[in-house]
């Protein structure tokens, strides 16, 4: 990996300009409650992982909980739990 990829880029308004509201679709009925919780957590983690990658955080080690939560505030979603932060780092790790 080039050294430039490891340096964090300064956060800019670029993130807020690229994020568009998502079209919401109803979830399928009849699933257990835990399925809906996990599904929504995965969606949130994916949104955060994409926003972090757009802001220049390419390595999971750079994505501390504080960084993930500040990115969530920047893109306008509720602060993630520790479990969701762990999932964000997992998405970043397995996308390679």
Protein backbone atom coordinates (compact mmCIF):
# COMPACT_ATOMS: atom_id res chain seq x y z
CA UNK A 1 0.00 0.00 0.00
CA UNK A 2 1.46 3.42 -0.87
CA UNK A 3 2.45 5.64 2.03
CA UNK A 4 0.02 8.33 0.86
CA UNK A 5 -2.88 5.96 1.50
CA UNK A 6 -1.93 5.62 5.15
CA UNK A 7 -1.95 9.37 5.84
CA UNK A 8 -5.36 10.63 6.98
CA UNK A 9 -6.75 13.35 4.76
CA UNK A 10 -8.25 16.38 6.44
CA UNK A 11 -12.00 16.15 6.83
CA UNK A 12 -13.83 18.50 4.56
CA UNK A 13 -17.32 19.35 3.47
CA UNK A 14 -16.86 16.83 0.65
CA UNK A 15 -18.66 14.16 2.67
CA UNK A 16 -21.78 16.20 3.26
CA UNK A 17 -21.99 17.07 -0.43
CA UNK A 18 -21.83 13.46 -1.61
CA UNK A 19 -24.39 12.01 0.81
CA UNK A 20 -27.94 11.91 -0.48
CA UNK A 21 -31.04 10.83 1.42
CA UNK A 22 -31.76 7.16 0.94
CA UNK A 23 -34.98 5.90 -0.56
CA UNK A 24 -36.66 3.92 2.20
CA UNK A 25 -38.36 0.64 1.43
CA UNK A 26 -40.46 -1.34 3.88
CA UNK A 27 -38.70 -4.30 5.45
CA UNK A 28 -40.21 -7.77 4.99
CA UNK A 29 -42.75 -8.70 7.62
CA UNK A 30 -42.66 -11.79 9.82
CA UNK A 31 -38.99 -11.87 10.79
CA UNK A 32 -37.80 -12.03 14.42
CA UNK A 33 -37.02 -8.68 16.05
CA UNK A 34 -33.31 -9.51 16.26
CA UNK A 35 -33.17 -9.79 12.46
CA UNK A 36 -34.42 -6.20 12.04
CA UNK A 37 -31.96 -4.88 14.62
CA UNK A 38 -29.04 -6.62 12.92
CA UNK A 39 -30.18 -5.54 9.46
CA UNK A 40 -30.41 -1.87 10.44
CA UNK A 41 -27.05 -2.06 12.24
CA UNK A 42 -25.40 -3.46 9.10
CA UNK A 43 -26.87 -0.69 6.96
CA UNK A 44 -25.64 1.96 9.38
CA UNK A 45 -22.17 0.38 9.53
CA UNK A 46 -21.96 0.29 5.74
CA UNK A 47 -22.94 3.97 5.48
CA UNK A 48 -20.29 4.87 8.04
CA UNK A 49 -17.60 2.74 6.39
CA UNK A 50 -18.28 4.41 3.02
CA UNK A 51 -18.16 7.88 4.59
CA UNK A 52 -14.88 7.05 6.34
CA UNK A 53 -13.35 5.78 3.10
CA UNK A 54 -14.51 8.95 1.33
CA UNK A 55 -12.87 11.07 4.04
CA UNK A 56 -9.51 9.31 3.70
CA UNK A 57 -9.63 6.73 6.50
CA UNK A 58 -8.55 3.59 4.65
CA UNK A 59 -7.20 1.35 7.42
CA UNK A 60 -9.37 -0.06 10.24
CA UNK A 61 -6.70 0.93 12.78
CA UNK A 62 -7.32 4.59 11.89
CA UNK A 63 -11.05 4.24 12.58
CA UNK A 64 -11.29 4.61 16.34
CA UNK A 65 -14.70 4.89 17.98
CA UNK A 66 -14.31 8.68 18.30
CA UNK A 67 -13.52 8.98 14.58
CA UNK A 68 -16.52 6.86 13.62
CA UNK A 69 -18.85 8.81 15.92
CA UNK A 70 -17.64 12.18 14.63
CA UNK A 71 -18.21 10.96 11.07
CA UNK A 72 -21.73 9.87 12.04
CA UNK A 73 -22.40 13.36 13.37
CA UNK A 74 -20.95 14.87 10.20
CA UNK A 75 -23.24 12.88 7.89
CA UNK A 76 -26.26 13.32 10.14
CA UNK A 77 -26.97 9.93 11.66
CA UNK A 78 -27.26 8.93 15.32
CA UNK A 79 -24.01 8.05 17.12
CA UNK A 80 -23.25 4.35 16.72
CA UNK A 81 -22.83 1.90 19.57
CA UNK A 82 -19.55 0.12 20.30
CA UNK A 83 -20.92 -2.94 18.47
CA UNK A 84 -21.65 -0.88 15.35
CA UNK A 85 -18.19 0.73 15.50
CA UNK A 86 -16.68 -2.77 15.60
CA UNK A 87 -18.79 -3.72 12.59
CA UNK A 88 -17.57 -0.63 10.67
CA UNK A 89 -13.97 -1.69 11.20
CA UNK A 90 -14.85 -5.24 10.12
CA UNK A 91 -16.37 -3.93 6.87
CA UNK A 92 -13.24 -1.89 6.22
CA UNK A 93 -11.03 -4.90 6.95
CA UNK A 94 -12.91 -7.36 4.69
CA UNK A 95 -13.34 -4.97 1.77
CA UNK A 96 -9.69 -5.49 0.82
